[in-house]
Amino acid sequence: MTDENTPDRVVAPPPTEEVTSIEQPRRARVQDLVEEPEETAAEKLERKKDYLDGFLKEKPEGVSGNEPGGELYESVVTALKEIYDPEIPVNIYDLGLIYGVEIDDNSRAVVTMTLTTPHCPVAESMPGEVELRVGAVPGVGDAEVNLVWDPPWDPGKMSDEAKLELGML
């Protein structure tokens, strides 16, 4: 629908030059590639390590020390990774025996853990050792261990590193 003031179509002005042909772009040839020295496998691996190093060392922003990624939390996890199951050559954290670590604003750490079975020979001594080790972490004021049996531990809770160590991967 048009009125008297609106034209039915817009006409472009005539071109000032007439285009008779279009030049085809030059095709890339293998010979045109710049020869760069080939990177050795060791150099490639070193480059990857540098990339991963920076990525893994970067800490999350805005995380308090009591949360995962925080300094105090990570110190507690490090202490837990130093405790080994006497029958299995894997630390209790990678073994999947630690279900949770909570640190409140008063620097009180609560570790929720289980054992491989209720009849584990270290059922009486392991929670006490965990409590002592976590309580010895600088910055932790008090430590408590809650031993739970539900959900029960199973090999699926183990980290890939632990599975690899035990030949399960």
Protein backbone atom coordinates (compact mmCIF):
# COMPACT_ATOMS: atom_id res chain seq x y z
CA MET A 1 0.00 0.00 0.00
CA THR A 2 1.60 3.28 -1.09
CA ASP A 3 0.48 6.87 -1.05
CA GLU A 4 1.40 9.70 -3.46
CA ASN A 5 4.57 10.72 -1.54
CA THR A 6 6.09 7.21 -1.27
CA PRO A 7 7.66 5.80 -4.43
CA ASP A 8 6.96 2.17 -5.34
CA ARG A 9 10.68 1.43 -5.68
CA VAL A 10 14.05 2.97 -5.12
CA VAL A 11 16.34 3.30 -8.10
CA ALA A 12 20.09 3.24 -7.57
CA PRO A 13 22.16 5.80 -9.47
CA PRO A 14 23.95 4.41 -12.51
CA PRO A 15 27.52 3.17 -11.87
CA THR A 16 30.30 5.55 -12.82
CA GLU A 17 32.47 2.68 -14.09
CA GLU A 18 31.33 -0.42 -15.80
CA VAL A 19 32.63 -3.69 -14.34
CA THR A 20 33.73 -5.97 -17.14
CA SER A 21 35.53 -8.69 -15.19
CA ILE A 22 36.42 -9.74 -11.65
CA GLU A 23 39.96 -10.82 -10.87
CA GLN A 24 40.09 -14.26 -9.30
CA PRO A 25 41.96 -14.44 -5.97
CA ARG A 26 45.26 -16.29 -6.04
CA ARG A 27 45.09 -19.86 -4.76
CA ALA A 28 47.28 -20.88 -1.86
CA ARG A 29 50.04 -23.30 -2.76
CA VAL A 30 52.04 -25.61 -0.51
CA GLN A 31 55.22 -23.98 -1.77
CA ASP A 32 53.99 -20.63 -0.41
CA LEU A 33 54.01 -21.86 3.20
CA VAL A 34 56.65 -20.35 5.43
CA GLU A 35 59.04 -22.99 6.64
CA GLU A 36 59.06 -22.98 10.46
CA PRO A 37 61.41 -25.19 12.42
CA GLU A 38 59.62 -28.35 13.51
CA GLU A 39 58.82 -28.44 17.23
CA THR A 40 60.32 -31.43 18.98
CA ALA A 41 58.20 -33.66 21.17
CA ALA A 42 60.04 -32.39 24.27
CA GLU A 43 59.36 -28.75 23.34
CA LYS A 44 55.69 -29.52 22.71
CA LEU A 45 55.41 -31.28 26.08
CA GLU A 46 57.12 -28.37 27.84
CA ARG A 47 54.68 -25.92 26.24
CA LYS A 48 51.74 -28.02 27.43
CA LYS A 49 53.18 -28.21 30.96
CA ASP A 50 53.51 -24.43 31.06
CA TYR A 51 49.89 -24.04 30.03
CA LEU A 52 48.62 -26.55 32.59
CA ASP A 53 50.87 -25.17 35.31
CA GLY A 54 49.33 -21.73 35.05
CA PHE A 55 45.83 -23.16 34.82
CA LEU A 56 46.21 -25.40 37.86
CA LYS A 57 47.90 -22.76 40.03
CA GLU A 58 45.21 -20.15 39.43
CA LYS A 59 42.96 -19.76 42.44
CA PRO A 60 39.27 -18.91 42.14
CA GLU A 61 38.46 -15.29 42.84
CA GLY A 62 36.32 -14.30 45.81
CA VAL A 63 36.74 -17.59 47.69
CA SER A 64 37.21 -17.43 51.43
CA GLY A 65 39.89 -19.63 52.98
CA ASN A 66 37.23 -21.94 54.40
CA GLU A 67 35.70 -22.93 51.04
CA PRO A 68 36.99 -25.37 48.42
CA GLY A 69 39.81 -23.60 46.65
CA GLY A 70 40.60 -21.51 49.71
CA GLU A 71 43.95 -21.70 51.45
CA LEU A 72 42.79 -23.22 54.75
CA TYR A 73 40.50 -25.73 53.04
CA GLU A 74 43.28 -26.87 50.71
CA SER A 75 45.66 -27.21 53.68
CA VAL A 76 43.17 -29.52 55.39
CA VAL A 77 42.82 -31.60 52.20
CA THR A 78 46.63 -31.81 51.96
CA ALA A 79 46.76 -33.08 55.56
CA LEU A 80 44.12 -35.72 54.72
CA LYS A 81 46.15 -36.83 51.71
CA GLU A 82 49.05 -37.62 54.06
CA ILE A 83 47.01 -40.28 55.91
CA TYR A 84 47.25 -43.71 54.32
CA ASP A 85 45.08 -46.76 54.78
CA PRO A 86 47.36 -49.37 56.39
CA GLU A 87 46.09 -52.18 54.15
CA ILE A 88 45.88 -50.26 50.87
CA PRO A 89 48.79 -48.10 49.63
CA VAL A 90 46.54 -45.12 48.85
CA ASN A 91 45.72 -42.06 50.96
CA ILE A 92 42.26 -41.87 52.50
CA TYR A 93 41.25 -38.80 50.47
CA ASP A 94 41.96 -40.41 47.07
CA LEU A 95 40.51 -43.66 48.35
CA GLY A 96 37.18 -41.85 48.67
CA LEU A 97 36.81 -42.26 52.42
CA ILE A 98 36.37 -38.52 52.96
CA TYR A 99 32.79 -37.50 52.19
CA GLY A 100 33.07 -33.87 53.21
CA VAL A 101 35.18 -31.14 54.78
CA GLU A 102 33.48 -28.10 56.28
CA ILE A 103 35.24 -25.21 57.95
CA ASP A 104 33.17 -22.55 59.69
CA ASP A 105 34.08 -18.90 60.30
CA ASN A 106 35.50 -19.80 63.72
CA SER A 107 38.09 -22.10 62.03
CA ARG A 108 36.34 -25.23 63.29
CA ALA A 109 36.82 -28.10 60.82
CA VAL A 110 34.31 -30.93 60.56
CA VAL A 111 35.34 -33.94 58.47
CA THR A 112 32.70 -36.46 57.43
CA MET A 113 34.24 -39.79 56.55
CA THR A 114 33.65 -43.51 56.32
CA LEU A 115 35.80 -46.63 56.26
CA THR A 116 35.95 -49.39 53.67
CA THR A 117 33.97 -51.70 55.97
CA PRO A 118 32.55 -51.48 59.52
CA HIS A 119 34.91 -54.32 60.46
CA CYS A 120 37.99 -52.41 59.30
CA PRO A 121 40.93 -53.06 61.65
CA VAL A 122 41.56 -49.31 62.02
CA ALA A 123 37.91 -48.45 62.76
CA GLU A 124 38.84 -47.28 66.26
CA SER A 125 42.11 -45.49 65.48
CA MET A 126 41.59 -43.91 62.03
CA PRO A 127 39.00 -41.25 63.05
CA GLY A 128 41.27 -40.21 65.93
CA GLU A 129 44.26 -39.89 63.60
CA VAL A 130 42.21 -37.81 61.15
CA GLU A 131 41.09 -35.53 63.98
CA LEU A 132 44.68 -35.06 65.21
CA ARG A 133 46.10 -34.37 61.73
CA VAL A 134 43.35 -31.91 60.77
CA GLY A 135 43.58 -30.20 64.16
CA ALA A 136 47.33 -29.74 63.61
CA VAL A 137 46.82 -27.74 60.39
CA PRO A 138 47.84 -24.11 61.00
CA GLY A 139 44.69 -22.00 61.10
CA VAL A 140 42.36 -24.78 62.29
CA GLY A 141 41.16 -24.06 65.80
CA ASP A 142 39.22 -27.25 66.45
CA ALA A 143 38.65 -30.46 64.49
CA GLU A 144 35.83 -32.98 64.65
CA VAL A 145 35.36 -36.23 62.72
CA ASN A 146 31.95 -37.68 61.95
CA LEU A 147 32.18 -41.36 61.02
CA VAL A 148 29.24 -42.40 58.86
CA TRP A 149 28.24 -45.66 57.19
CA ASP A 150 25.58 -44.31 54.86
CA PRO A 151 26.19 -44.18 51.97
CA PRO A 152 28.49 -47.17 52.19
CA TRP A 153 31.93 -46.91 50.60
CA ASP A 154 32.48 -48.62 47.28
CA PRO A 155 35.41 -48.59 44.80
CA GLY A 156 33.52 -46.12 42.60
CA LYS A 157 34.30 -43.39 45.14
CA MET A 158 38.05 -43.70 44.49
CA SER A 159 39.88 -41.06 42.45
CA ASP A 160 41.38 -42.02 39.11
CA GLU A 161 44.85 -41.70 40.65
CA ALA A 162 43.95 -44.27 43.32
CA LYS A 163 42.47 -46.64 40.74
CA LEU A 164 45.61 -46.32 38.66
CA GLU A 165 47.82 -46.97 41.70
CA LEU A 166 45.85 -50.13 42.48
CA GLY A 167 45.80 -51.33 38.87
CA MET A 168 42.05 -50.85 38.45
CA LEU A 169 42.28 -48.67 35.31
